[in-house]
């Protein structure tokens, strides 16, 4: 008796630039997309793996090929998977990452917490932010570097899987912490991940940016984290600055180094000052300080540029 086919995997070669574009873009494809470096430190040798619940048709294969133009005439490798957990299979290439006192791992690669640190189990699936993208790991490093400071009221906007909110809970266990996302599925995933990692007390809110009564009612926040994308960060700068306490720390990510100036400028207009940045390849993580007085927006929110901000990377 043959094993039952449960799902499908499509693989194509790609470049690092294409992989980063896939990780950073809003992609309307019914698949879990994973990119992997196949030759260490070689920008030309990466791989795209797409995991699907149904056999890919010609339209799906064409859509996947469109994501990796460098593949040229290469035929996609299509593999039928037997009755297994296809999300777990998609994580087999995700080795644990280590940033400061944090280790992030999937179910396929369990690890022990480092001495004095914390291990987080974050599986790939319905939300973004496993820690394996430069922006998310860079945010972990940035938060770890703030461990000597004290924060009492923290918000993680665009939380994805909840990872950065969990890191905040570990570093500042007495702080009040809120994790928000525009995507209800991401909030559900964060709730599941909180349970899996024994994280308690994180308030979860489905919200578009900071435009929510639940968010503003608990403002101002002395630590604001937003790992989203450059366009939404620019658009949301006034509302994010408005929920920040005077002198608050603001950690921003999801932007390319080429986009740093426009993001910094948008927040400088709101009274914020750049304190530090961490460049990781093409990506940059920013740390800013809010102004000495709490910012009050002078114009209504501008929805331009907010599309796709739920893609936490």
Foldseek 3Di string as FASTA:
>chain_A
DDFAFFWKKKKFWAFQVLQVCVLQDDDPAQWQWDKAAPDPPGRRGIMIMTIGRDFDDPVNQVSVCVSGVVRPPPRIDMDTDGPDDVQVVRCLRPEWDDAQQEIFHEPNHDDDGDVVHAYFHFGDDDWDQSCPDPFNVVLLNVVNVCLVDAWAEEEEELCTQVVNQVSVCVSHVNHQYEYEFLDVVSLVNNVVRCVVRVNDRYHYYNDQQQPDCVNQVPAQTQEYEYQFALLQLLLCLQVVLQRHAAFGKYKYWSYFPVSVVSNQVSNVVQQKAWDDWDDDVRIIMTIITRHRHRGDDPDDRDCPSSPRRSSRD
